[in-house]
Amino acid sequence: MTYNPISVTDLNKYIKDKIAGDEMLNNVLVKGEISNYKHHYTGHLYFTLKDENSLIKCIMFKGYAANLKFEPRDGMKVMVFGTVSVFERDGVYQIYCKAMQEDGMGSLYKAYEEMKARLAKEGLFEQSHKKKIPLMPKCIGVLSSNTGAVIRDIINVSTRRNPNVYIKLLPVPVQGEGAAEKIAHAIKLMNEQKLADVIIIARGGGSLEDLWPFNEEIVARAIYDSELPIISAVGHETDFTIADFVADLRAPTPSAAAELAVPNISDIVLKLESYNNRYKLALKKKVEFMKLRYEKCMNSRVFKEPTQKINEKYMLIDMKVKSMQNSISKIYNAKKTNMVKHIAKLDALSPLKTLTRGYSIAEINGQVIKSVSQVKKDDEINLRLSDGSINARVL
C-alpha cells in the first residue's frame, strides 16, 4: 500500500475538523487546578488546567473573561465550561473557555447535558422535523430584548439587504427568572396570530447562567411545536444552547441570523437579470437553429426532387427482376442441357435405334418371336421396321 504525504498544516487542519465534528467536545465541563496563569494585556486569560495525572492548556477570551465574578490564580480549583479545539499553528489542542467558576457550576452543566440527552432521545433535534426558511419572507418576527445591540444589528442588516422587509419585534426578557416562560409564550403568540413568515430568537453572549432560559424545556418544546420556521441566534458563535439544537436553523450571531433570513435583494435582481439574458440568448439561438434546420430541409433533395427516391426504388426493382430472369434462364438452360444428355443416353439404349441399321423385330400376337418354335406354317406374324410394320405369313 502506498501513501501520499500531506503537509503538517493539512494534518493539523484535519485533526481540528475531526475534533470540531465531535458534538461532545463542543460543550465540555472540566474541573481541575489552575497553573501557569497569565492575564494578558489584551484581556485574554491563558492558563493550564491540571489534575493528579494530566494537564490541558486553556484560553478565555476577553469577552468571556469580563463575565468572571472572581480573579483566577494559580492553585485555585475551578470548573471551566467551553469548547475543545486545535490551535493549528502550534498543533496543540486546548479548551476555549466560555465560563469558569470555583467548583460551583457542575449541577447546572449536568442539568444541561441531561436535558439535551432526553430531548434528543425524544426526537426534538431530528433533521427531518426541521422546516425550510422561506426564500423571500415579507415579515421577520424577532423575539429579543427591545434594548441593546441585538435588535439594532438585526434591523440594520435586514433593511440593508432588503429595504422592503418588515421587522416585527416582540420584546421578551432574555435572562433571569421567568424569561423561559415568556419566550415560549411569545413563540406561541407569533404562531397563533401568524405575525411573521419566519422567527428569529436572539440575544447576545453571556455565561451559562445568562443563557439558561434558552436551555429550558418549555422553550425547546415551544420551538419544536412552532409552525413558523425559527432561526436561533443565541450568544456568540461558540455558544450552544438547547434552543440551537431544536431550531430549524442555527445562526452564530444575531447579524448572521438576519443574513440567513433576509436575502440580498441586489443579488436577486442580478440573478433575475442574468436569467432574463440567458433566456433571451437561448431563445435567439433556438430561432437561429430552427432557421438553419428549415433551410437545410428546403434545400434537401427530398423537397427538390420528391420522386427521386421512388425512381431509385423502381430501378432497384428492375435490377432485382433482371437478376431473377437471369437466374431462371440459367436454371432452365442447365436443366435443358441435362435433359438432352439423358435423352441421348436413353436413345442410345433404345431397341428402335437398332432397326435403323436394317434390322426388324418379329412379333406374333403382340409377343416378340425369339425362337422358331414359337411359330408354325401359315402363322401370320408382324415385322416391325424402322419406318413402319409389315404383316407376313410363315411359309
Protein backbone atom coordinates (compact mmCIF):
# COMPACT_ATOMS: atom_id res chain seq x y z
CA MET A 1 0.00 0.00 0.00
CA THR A 2 1.34 3.46 -0.92
CA TYR A 3 0.60 6.69 0.90
CA ASN A 4 0.62 10.24 -0.41
CA PRO A 5 2.32 12.61 2.04
CA ILE A 6 0.43 15.63 3.37
CA SER A 7 1.70 18.83 4.93
CA VAL A 8 1.77 19.49 8.67
CA THR A 9 -0.80 22.23 8.13
CA ASP A 10 -3.16 19.82 6.39
CA LEU A 11 -2.75 17.29 9.20
CA ASN A 12 -3.45 19.86 11.92
CA LYS A 13 -6.47 21.15 9.98
CA TYR A 14 -7.77 17.59 9.57
CA ILE A 15 -7.42 16.94 13.32
CA LYS A 16 -9.11 20.27 14.07
CA ASP A 17 -12.06 19.40 11.81
CA LYS A 18 -12.34 15.96 13.43
CA ILE A 19 -12.48 17.49 16.91
CA ALA A 20 -14.91 20.18 15.74
CA GLY A 21 -17.21 17.47 14.39
CA ASP A 22 -17.43 15.78 17.81
CA GLU A 23 -20.54 17.20 19.46
CA MET A 24 -19.34 16.18 22.92
CA LEU A 25 -16.20 18.32 22.56
CA ASN A 26 -18.23 21.39 21.58
CA ASN A 27 -19.51 21.74 25.15
CA VAL A 28 -17.34 20.28 27.90
CA LEU A 29 -17.23 20.89 31.61
CA VAL A 30 -13.82 20.19 33.11
CA LYS A 31 -12.63 20.61 36.68
CA GLY A 32 -9.04 20.94 37.79
CA GLU A 33 -6.39 23.19 39.30
CA ILE A 34 -5.11 26.36 37.64
CA SER A 35 -1.39 26.65 36.93
CA ASN A 36 0.79 28.91 34.77
CA TYR A 37 -1.94 31.54 34.91
CA LYS A 38 -1.36 34.69 32.83
CA HIS A 39 -3.69 37.65 32.41
CA HIS A 40 -2.58 39.12 29.07
CA TYR A 41 -2.66 42.87 28.45
CA THR A 42 -5.26 42.25 25.71
CA GLY A 43 -7.66 40.98 28.37
CA HIS A 44 -7.37 37.30 27.38
CA LEU A 45 -6.63 34.69 30.06
CA TYR A 46 -4.06 31.93 29.44
CA PHE A 47 -3.63 29.09 31.92
CA THR A 48 -3.25 25.35 32.34
CA LEU A 49 -5.84 23.12 34.00
CA LYS A 50 -4.38 20.05 35.68
CA ASP A 51 -5.18 17.18 37.99
CA GLU A 52 -3.04 14.47 39.56
CA ASN A 53 -2.11 12.83 36.25
CA SER A 54 -2.68 15.19 33.32
CA LEU A 55 -2.94 18.79 32.19
CA ILE A 56 -4.51 20.72 29.32
CA LYS A 57 -3.98 24.24 28.05
CA CYS A 58 -6.85 26.71 28.31
CA ILE A 59 -7.66 30.16 26.97
CA MET A 60 -10.50 32.50 27.85
CA PHE A 61 -11.01 35.45 25.54
CA LYS A 62 -11.65 38.94 26.81
CA GLY A 63 -15.40 38.88 26.10
CA TYR A 64 -15.92 35.85 28.34
CA ALA A 65 -13.33 36.91 30.93
CA ALA A 66 -15.30 40.11 31.54
CA ASN A 67 -18.16 38.00 32.98
CA LEU A 68 -16.00 36.39 35.69
CA LYS A 69 -17.03 37.24 39.22
CA PHE A 70 -13.63 36.34 40.71
CA GLU A 71 -9.95 36.70 39.85
CA PRO A 72 -8.37 33.35 38.90
CA ARG A 73 -4.95 32.47 40.35
CA ASP A 74 -2.51 29.58 40.38
CA GLY A 75 -3.53 26.70 42.62
CA MET A 76 -7.24 27.57 42.51
CA LYS A 77 -9.61 24.65 41.89
CA VAL A 78 -12.17 25.61 39.28
CA MET A 79 -14.65 24.21 36.82
CA VAL A 80 -14.47 25.53 33.24
CA PHE A 81 -17.11 25.24 30.53
CA GLY A 82 -16.08 25.56 26.91
CA THR A 83 -15.11 24.00 23.59
CA VAL A 84 -12.13 21.81 22.76
CA SER A 85 -10.36 22.81 19.55
CA VAL A 86 -6.95 22.70 17.89
CA PHE A 87 -4.65 25.70 17.53
CA GLU A 88 -3.37 24.87 14.04
CA ARG A 89 -0.16 26.89 14.15
CA ASP A 90 1.26 25.05 17.16
CA GLY A 91 -0.55 21.76 16.61
CA VAL A 92 -1.92 21.67 20.16
CA TYR A 93 -5.45 21.21 21.40
CA GLN A 94 -6.84 23.34 24.20
CA ILE A 95 -10.05 24.38 25.87
CA TYR A 96 -11.59 27.64 24.70
CA CYS A 97 -13.35 28.59 27.92
CA LYS A 98 -16.70 30.35 27.90
CA ALA A 99 -17.34 30.29 31.63
CA MET A 100 -15.44 29.47 34.82
CA GLN A 101 -16.47 29.06 38.45
CA GLU A 102 -14.87 27.92 41.65
CA ASP A 103 -16.33 24.42 41.68
CA GLY A 104 -19.89 25.74 41.57
CA MET A 105 -21.13 25.11 38.05
CA GLY A 106 -21.31 21.33 37.97
CA SER A 107 -25.00 20.95 38.73
CA LEU A 108 -26.00 23.46 36.03
CA TYR A 109 -23.97 21.77 33.32
CA LYS A 110 -25.20 18.34 34.44
CA ALA A 111 -28.79 19.56 34.08
CA TYR A 112 -27.92 20.89 30.59
CA GLU A 113 -26.49 17.52 29.49
CA GLU A 114 -29.39 15.56 30.96
CA MET A 115 -31.93 17.81 29.25
CA LYS A 116 -30.06 17.62 25.96
CA ALA A 117 -29.87 13.81 26.07
CA ARG A 118 -33.55 13.40 26.99
CA LEU A 119 -34.84 15.75 24.29
CA ALA A 120 -32.56 14.19 21.69
CA LYS A 121 -33.96 10.77 22.58
CA GLU A 122 -37.49 12.11 22.09
CA GLY A 123 -36.54 13.30 18.59
CA LEU A 124 -36.71 17.06 19.12
CA PHE A 125 -33.37 17.52 17.34
CA GLU A 126 -34.23 15.36 14.29
CA GLN A 127 -33.28 16.95 10.98
CA SER A 128 -36.40 15.53 9.32
CA HIS A 129 -38.61 17.75 11.53
CA LYS A 130 -36.83 20.98 10.63
CA LYS A 131 -38.65 23.37 8.31
CA LYS A 132 -37.15 25.30 5.42
CA ILE A 133 -36.58 29.01 5.81
CA PRO A 134 -38.75 30.91 3.26
CA LEU A 135 -36.79 32.26 0.30
CA MET A 136 -38.38 35.73 0.26
CA PRO A 137 -40.02 36.47 3.63
CA LYS A 138 -42.07 39.64 3.79
CA CYS A 139 -42.08 39.87 7.56
CA ILE A 140 -39.41 38.85 10.10
CA GLY A 141 -40.54 38.27 13.68
CA VAL A 142 -37.87 38.94 16.31
CA LEU A 143 -38.02 37.69 19.89
CA SER A 144 -35.38 39.57 21.85
CA SER A 145 -34.86 42.45 24.23
CA ASN A 146 -36.09 45.78 22.89
CA THR A 147 -32.87 47.43 24.05
CA GLY A 148 -29.27 46.68 23.20
CA ALA A 149 -27.27 45.98 20.08
CA VAL A 150 -29.04 42.74 19.09
CA ILE A 151 -32.22 44.25 17.67
CA ARG A 152 -30.29 47.14 16.09
CA ASP A 153 -27.96 44.72 14.33
CA ILE A 154 -30.89 42.67 13.02
CA ILE A 155 -32.72 45.78 11.77
CA ASN A 156 -29.59 47.24 10.14
CA VAL A 157 -28.62 44.02 8.37
CA SER A 158 -32.18 43.18 7.28
CA THR A 159 -33.04 46.62 5.87
CA ARG A 160 -29.67 46.86 4.15
CA ARG A 161 -30.23 43.55 2.37
CA ASN A 162 -33.89 44.23 1.56
CA PRO A 163 -35.43 47.64 2.39
CA ASN A 164 -38.93 46.22 1.78
CA VAL A 165 -38.76 43.64 4.56
CA TYR A 166 -40.88 44.32 7.63
CA ILE A 167 -39.46 43.68 11.11
CA LYS A 168 -41.85 42.85 13.98
CA LEU A 169 -40.23 42.91 17.41
CA LEU A 170 -41.98 41.11 20.24
CA PRO A 171 -39.93 42.15 23.31
CA VAL A 172 -39.10 39.33 25.75
CA PRO A 173 -36.66 39.04 28.64
CA VAL A 174 -33.63 37.05 27.55
CA GLN A 175 -32.29 36.13 31.01
CA GLY A 176 -33.40 35.85 34.56
CA GLU A 177 -36.30 34.21 36.33
CA GLY A 178 -39.45 33.73 34.26
CA ALA A 179 -37.70 34.51 30.98
CA ALA A 180 -38.19 31.00 29.58
CA GLU A 181 -41.96 31.07 30.10
CA LYS A 182 -42.26 34.46 28.40
CA ILE A 183 -40.13 33.36 25.44
CA ALA A 184 -42.28 30.23 24.99
CA HIS A 185 -45.49 32.31 25.23
CA ALA A 186 -44.15 34.75 22.60
CA ILE A 187 -43.41 31.88 20.21
CA LYS A 188 -46.98 30.56 20.60
CA LEU A 189 -48.41 34.05 20.11
CA MET A 190 -46.42 34.55 16.90
CA ASN A 191 -47.82 31.25 15.58
CA GLU A 192 -51.43 31.79 16.67
CA GLN A 193 -51.67 35.24 15.09
CA LYS A 194 -49.36 34.47 12.14
CA LEU A 195 -47.37 37.62 12.86
CA ALA A 196 -44.39 36.72 10.65
CA ASP A 197 -43.06 34.43 7.96
CA VAL A 198 -40.02 33.44 9.99
CA ILE A 199 -38.99 33.98 13.62
CA ILE A 200 -35.55 34.95 14.93
CA ILE A 201 -34.84 34.24 18.59
CA ALA A 202 -31.80 36.31 19.54
CA ARG A 203 -29.66 37.56 22.37
CA GLY A 204 -26.01 38.46 22.88
CA GLY A 205 -23.31 36.38 24.53
CA GLY A 206 -23.08 35.58 28.21
CA SER A 207 -22.32 32.94 30.79
CA LEU A 208 -24.10 29.63 31.02
CA GLU A 209 -26.37 31.08 33.69
CA ASP A 210 -27.23 34.07 31.47
CA LEU A 211 -28.12 31.81 28.55
CA TRP A 212 -30.00 29.31 30.71
CA PRO A 213 -33.57 30.35 29.68
CA PHE A 214 -32.74 29.01 26.21
CA ASN A 215 -31.87 25.64 27.78
CA GLU A 216 -35.27 25.31 29.44
CA GLU A 217 -37.61 22.52 28.28
CA ILE A 218 -40.58 24.85 27.87
CA VAL A 219 -38.67 26.92 25.27
CA ALA A 220 -37.43 23.79 23.47
CA ARG A 221 -40.94 22.37 23.12
CA ALA A 222 -42.36 25.72 22.02
CA ILE A 223 -39.76 25.88 19.24
CA TYR A 224 -40.45 22.26 18.25
CA ASP A 225 -44.23 22.85 18.10
CA SER A 226 -43.90 26.08 16.11
CA GLU A 227 -45.47 26.01 12.64
CA LEU A 228 -43.38 29.03 11.65
CA PRO A 229 -39.71 28.32 10.92
CA ILE A 230 -37.38 29.52 13.68
CA ILE A 231 -33.76 30.71 13.50
CA SER A 232 -31.85 30.57 16.78
CA ALA A 233 -29.15 33.23 17.30
CA VAL A 234 -28.31 32.94 20.98
CA GLY A 235 -24.91 34.02 22.31
CA HIS A 236 -21.64 34.03 20.44
CA GLU A 237 -20.53 31.63 17.72
CA THR A 238 -19.04 29.20 20.26
CA ASP A 239 -22.16 29.20 22.47
CA PHE A 240 -24.58 26.29 22.05
CA THR A 241 -27.96 26.06 23.77
CA ILE A 242 -30.84 23.57 23.63
CA ALA A 243 -32.73 26.13 21.53
CA ASP A 244 -29.97 25.93 18.89
CA PHE A 245 -30.43 22.16 18.53
CA VAL A 246 -34.25 22.32 18.30
CA ALA A 247 -34.48 25.35 15.98
CA ASP A 248 -34.88 24.90 12.24
CA LEU A 249 -31.64 26.82 11.67
CA ARG A 250 -28.86 27.96 13.97
CA ALA A 251 -27.02 31.24 13.33
CA PRO A 252 -23.71 32.03 15.04
CA THR A 253 -24.76 35.63 15.76
CA PRO A 254 -27.90 37.80 15.51
CA SER A 255 -26.41 39.61 12.49
CA ALA A 256 -25.81 36.28 10.79
CA ALA A 257 -29.42 35.30 11.56
CA ALA A 258 -30.63 38.41 9.72
CA GLU A 259 -28.43 37.50 6.74
CA LEU A 260 -29.80 33.95 6.71
CA ALA A 261 -33.42 35.11 6.98
CA VAL A 262 -33.33 38.04 4.52
CA PRO A 263 -31.91 37.51 1.03
CA ASN A 264 -29.90 40.30 -0.54
CA ILE A 265 -32.32 41.98 -2.92
CA SER A 266 -29.45 43.22 -5.10
CA ASP A 267 -28.22 39.64 -5.60
CA ILE A 268 -31.74 38.54 -6.52
CA VAL A 269 -32.13 41.39 -9.04
CA LEU A 270 -28.78 40.48 -10.60
CA LYS A 271 -29.78 36.83 -10.72
CA LEU A 272 -33.11 37.66 -12.37
CA GLU A 273 -31.34 39.86 -14.92
CA SER A 274 -28.90 37.03 -15.57
CA TYR A 275 -31.78 34.58 -16.05
CA ASN A 276 -33.52 37.05 -18.39
CA ASN A 277 -30.38 37.47 -20.50
CA ARG A 278 -29.83 33.72 -20.58
CA TYR A 279 -33.44 33.13 -21.70
CA LYS A 280 -33.11 35.75 -24.45
CA LEU A 281 -29.84 34.26 -25.66
CA ALA A 282 -31.25 30.73 -25.53
CA LEU A 283 -34.35 31.82 -27.49
CA LYS A 284 -32.20 33.60 -30.09
CA LYS A 285 -30.02 30.51 -30.52
CA LYS A 286 -33.11 28.34 -30.78
CA VAL A 287 -34.60 30.53 -33.52
CA GLU A 288 -31.31 30.53 -35.44
CA PHE A 289 -31.04 26.78 -35.12
CA MET A 290 -34.62 26.23 -36.33
CA LYS A 291 -34.00 28.63 -39.24
CA LEU A 292 -30.88 26.70 -40.32
CA ARG A 293 -32.76 23.46 -39.97
CA TYR A 294 -35.62 24.80 -42.12
CA GLU A 295 -33.21 25.98 -44.82
CA LYS A 296 -31.44 22.64 -44.78
CA CYS A 297 -34.74 20.81 -45.16
CA MET A 298 -35.88 23.04 -48.03
CA ASN A 299 -32.57 22.57 -49.86
CA SER A 300 -32.59 18.83 -49.46
CA ARG A 301 -33.26 16.56 -52.48
CA VAL A 302 -36.39 15.23 -50.78
CA PHE A 303 -38.10 18.57 -51.28
CA LYS A 304 -36.46 19.49 -54.58
CA GLU A 305 -36.99 16.09 -56.27
CA PRO A 306 -39.68 14.28 -54.30
CA THR A 307 -39.96 11.42 -56.90
CA GLN A 308 -36.22 10.73 -56.89
CA LYS A 309 -36.49 8.25 -54.09
CA ILE A 310 -39.37 6.43 -55.83
CA ASN A 311 -37.44 6.25 -59.10
CA GLU A 312 -34.46 4.83 -57.29
CA LYS A 313 -36.71 2.14 -55.85
CA TYR A 314 -38.06 1.40 -59.33
CA MET A 315 -34.51 0.98 -60.58
CA LEU A 316 -33.79 -1.36 -57.75
CA ILE A 317 -36.90 -3.41 -58.60
CA ASP A 318 -35.83 -3.59 -62.27
CA MET A 319 -32.40 -4.81 -61.20
CA LYS A 320 -33.98 -7.45 -59.00
CA VAL A 321 -36.36 -8.58 -61.80
CA LYS A 322 -33.48 -8.83 -64.29
CA SER A 323 -31.42 -10.76 -61.76
CA MET A 324 -34.35 -13.14 -61.25
CA GLN A 325 -34.78 -13.60 -65.03
CA ASN A 326 -31.09 -14.36 -65.46
CA SER A 327 -31.25 -16.84 -62.60
CA ILE A 328 -34.33 -18.55 -64.11
CA SER A 329 -32.68 -18.65 -67.57
CA LYS A 330 -29.54 -20.20 -66.11
CA ILE A 331 -31.53 -22.83 -64.27
CA TYR A 332 -33.65 -23.55 -67.40
CA ASN A 333 -30.61 -23.94 -69.66
CA ALA A 334 -28.88 -26.14 -67.12
CA LYS A 335 -31.96 -28.34 -66.78
CA LYS A 336 -32.38 -28.47 -70.61
CA THR A 337 -28.75 -29.49 -71.15
CA ASN A 338 -29.07 -32.16 -68.51
CA MET A 339 -32.29 -33.44 -70.11
CA VAL A 340 -30.65 -33.65 -73.56
CA LYS A 341 -27.85 -35.70 -72.07
CA HIS A 342 -30.32 -38.12 -70.52
CA ILE A 343 -32.34 -38.34 -73.80
CA ALA A 344 -29.17 -39.14 -75.72
CA LYS A 345 -28.35 -41.87 -73.24
CA LEU A 346 -31.87 -43.28 -73.47
CA ASP A 347 -31.84 -43.06 -77.27
CA ALA A 348 -28.55 -44.97 -77.41
CA LEU A 349 -30.11 -47.74 -75.34
CA SER A 350 -33.39 -47.82 -77.31
CA PRO A 351 -34.01 -51.03 -79.36
CA LEU A 352 -35.65 -48.94 -82.04
CA LYS A 353 -32.23 -47.43 -82.75
CA THR A 354 -31.09 -50.86 -83.98
CA LEU A 355 -33.91 -51.00 -86.55
CA THR A 356 -32.39 -48.07 -88.43
CA ARG A 357 -29.42 -50.24 -89.26
CA GLY A 358 -31.62 -52.78 -91.28
CA TYR A 359 -32.86 -54.98 -88.52
CA SER A 360 -36.52 -55.80 -87.77
CA ILE A 361 -38.50 -57.22 -84.88
CA ALA A 362 -40.80 -60.19 -85.49
CA GLU A 363 -43.89 -60.43 -83.30
CA ILE A 364 -46.78 -62.83 -83.04
CA ASN A 365 -49.84 -62.00 -81.11
CA GLY A 366 -48.01 -58.98 -79.63
CA GLN A 367 -45.08 -61.07 -78.41
CA VAL A 368 -41.54 -60.88 -79.74
CA ILE A 369 -40.52 -64.05 -81.59
CA LYS A 370 -37.31 -65.30 -80.05
CA SER A 371 -37.39 -68.90 -81.33
CA VAL A 372 -38.68 -70.76 -84.41
CA SER A 373 -40.56 -73.00 -82.11
CA GLN A 374 -42.93 -70.14 -81.40
CA VAL A 375 -44.38 -70.23 -84.94
CA LYS A 376 -45.63 -72.77 -87.43
CA LYS A 377 -46.54 -72.81 -91.08
CA ASP A 378 -49.17 -70.32 -92.21
CA ASP A 379 -48.97 -68.29 -88.96
CA GLU A 380 -49.44 -64.61 -89.51
CA ILE A 381 -46.69 -62.54 -87.97
CA ASN A 382 -45.82 -58.84 -87.78
CA LEU A 383 -42.46 -57.41 -88.77
CA ARG A 384 -41.62 -54.02 -87.20
CA LEU A 385 -39.18 -51.98 -89.23
CA SER A 386 -37.64 -48.55 -88.59
CA ASP A 387 -40.22 -46.76 -90.68
CA GLY A 388 -43.30 -48.94 -90.09
CA SER A 389 -44.51 -52.53 -89.85
CA ILE A 390 -45.35 -55.42 -92.30
CA ASN A 391 -47.80 -58.28 -91.93
CA ALA A 392 -46.36 -61.63 -93.24
CA ARG A 393 -47.18 -65.32 -93.37
CA VAL A 394 -44.84 -68.17 -92.46
CA LEU A 395 -44.17 -70.48 -95.43
